[in-house]
């Protein structure tokens, strides 16, 4: 598995889905000055030895 931070466009699309299901994330985002990262998990590419 490969983890990466979502791009700005991916985050803009995914963040509303996250906060609709897990409302505490929206409240936490409002209380902090940093942008909470969205981490995406992707399967390894074929032949990747990870």
C-alpha atoms as a PDB file:
ATOM      1  CA  UNK A   1       0.000   0.000   0.000  1.00  0.00           C
ATOM      2  CA  UNK A   2       1.208   3.495  -0.802  1.00  0.00           C
ATOM      3  CA  UNK A   3       0.003   6.507   1.211  1.00  0.00           C
ATOM      4  CA  UNK A   4       0.017  10.035  -0.160  1.00  0.00           C
ATOM      5  CA  UNK A   5      -1.509  13.406   0.667  1.00  0.00           C
ATOM      6  CA  UNK A   6      -4.416  14.339  -1.598  1.00  0.00           C
ATOM      7  CA  UNK A   7      -3.844  17.145  -4.072  1.00  0.00           C
ATOM      8  CA  UNK A   8      -5.817  20.371  -3.620  1.00  0.00           C
ATOM      9  CA  UNK A   9      -8.331  19.263  -6.279  1.00  0.00           C
ATOM     10  CA  UNK A  10      -8.744  15.806  -4.731  1.00  0.00           C
ATOM     11  CA  UNK A  11      -9.187  17.318  -1.271  1.00  0.00           C
ATOM     12  CA  UNK A  12     -11.796  19.773  -2.565  1.00  0.00           C
ATOM     13  CA  UNK A  13     -13.792  16.820  -3.921  1.00  0.00           C
ATOM     14  CA  UNK A  14     -13.278  14.407  -1.004  1.00  0.00           C
ATOM     15  CA  UNK A  15     -13.412  16.705   2.055  1.00  0.00           C
ATOM     16  CA  UNK A  16     -17.190  17.361   1.829  1.00  0.00           C
ATOM     17  CA  UNK A  17     -17.799  13.592   1.725  1.00  0.00           C
ATOM     18  CA  UNK A  18     -15.662  13.089   4.831  1.00  0.00           C
ATOM     19  CA  UNK A  19     -17.302  15.881   6.817  1.00  0.00           C
ATOM     20  CA  UNK A  20     -20.802  14.775   5.818  1.00  0.00           C
ATOM     21  CA  UNK A  21     -20.150  11.378   7.345  1.00  0.00           C
ATOM     22  CA  UNK A  22     -17.812  12.336  10.197  1.00  0.00           C
ATOM     23  CA  UNK A  23     -19.034  15.722  11.424  1.00  0.00           C
ATOM     24  CA  UNK A  24     -16.336  16.086  14.093  1.00  0.00           C
ATOM     25  CA  UNK A  25     -13.730  16.627  11.373  1.00  0.00           C
ATOM     26  CA  UNK A  26     -15.472  19.799  10.182  1.00  0.00           C
ATOM     27  CA  UNK A  27     -15.551  21.167  13.724  1.00  0.00           C
ATOM     28  CA  UNK A  28     -11.897  20.312  14.284  1.00  0.00           C
ATOM     29  CA  UNK A  29     -10.948  22.000  11.003  1.00  0.00           C
ATOM     30  CA  UNK A  30     -12.721  25.170  12.153  1.00  0.00           C
ATOM     31  CA  UNK A  31     -10.805  25.187  15.456  1.00  0.00           C
ATOM     32  CA  UNK A  32      -7.327  24.829  13.971  1.00  0.00           C
ATOM     33  CA  UNK A  33      -5.311  27.129  11.749  1.00  0.00           C
ATOM     34  CA  UNK A  34      -3.725  24.304   9.757  1.00  0.00           C
ATOM     35  CA  UNK A  35      -5.416  22.435   6.940  1.00  0.00           C
ATOM     36  CA  UNK A  36      -6.098  18.850   7.941  1.00  0.00           C
ATOM     37  CA  UNK A  37      -4.527  16.527   5.383  1.00  0.00           C
ATOM     38  CA  UNK A  38      -6.515  13.938   3.502  1.00  0.00           C
ATOM     39  CA  UNK A  39      -4.376  10.829   3.111  1.00  0.00           C
ATOM     40  CA  UNK A  40      -5.121   8.519   0.221  1.00  0.00           C
ATOM     41  CA  UNK A  41      -4.107   4.856   0.187  1.00  0.00           C
ATOM     42  CA  UNK A  42      -3.308   3.320  -3.156  1.00  0.00           C
ATOM     43  CA  UNK A  43      -2.337  -0.220  -4.085  1.00  0.00           C
ATOM     44  CA  UNK A  44       1.239  -0.635  -5.283  1.00  0.00           C
ATOM     45  CA  UNK A  45       1.908  -0.499  -8.994  1.00  0.00           C
ATOM     46  CA  UNK A  46       2.425  -3.886 -10.671  1.00  0.00           C
ATOM     47  CA  UNK A  47       6.018  -4.947 -10.123  1.00  0.00           C
ATOM     48  CA  UNK A  48       6.524  -2.509  -7.226  1.00  0.00           C
ATOM     49  CA  UNK A  49       8.489  -4.270  -4.485  1.00  0.00           C
ATOM     50  CA  UNK A  50       6.896  -2.368  -1.583  1.00  0.00           C
END
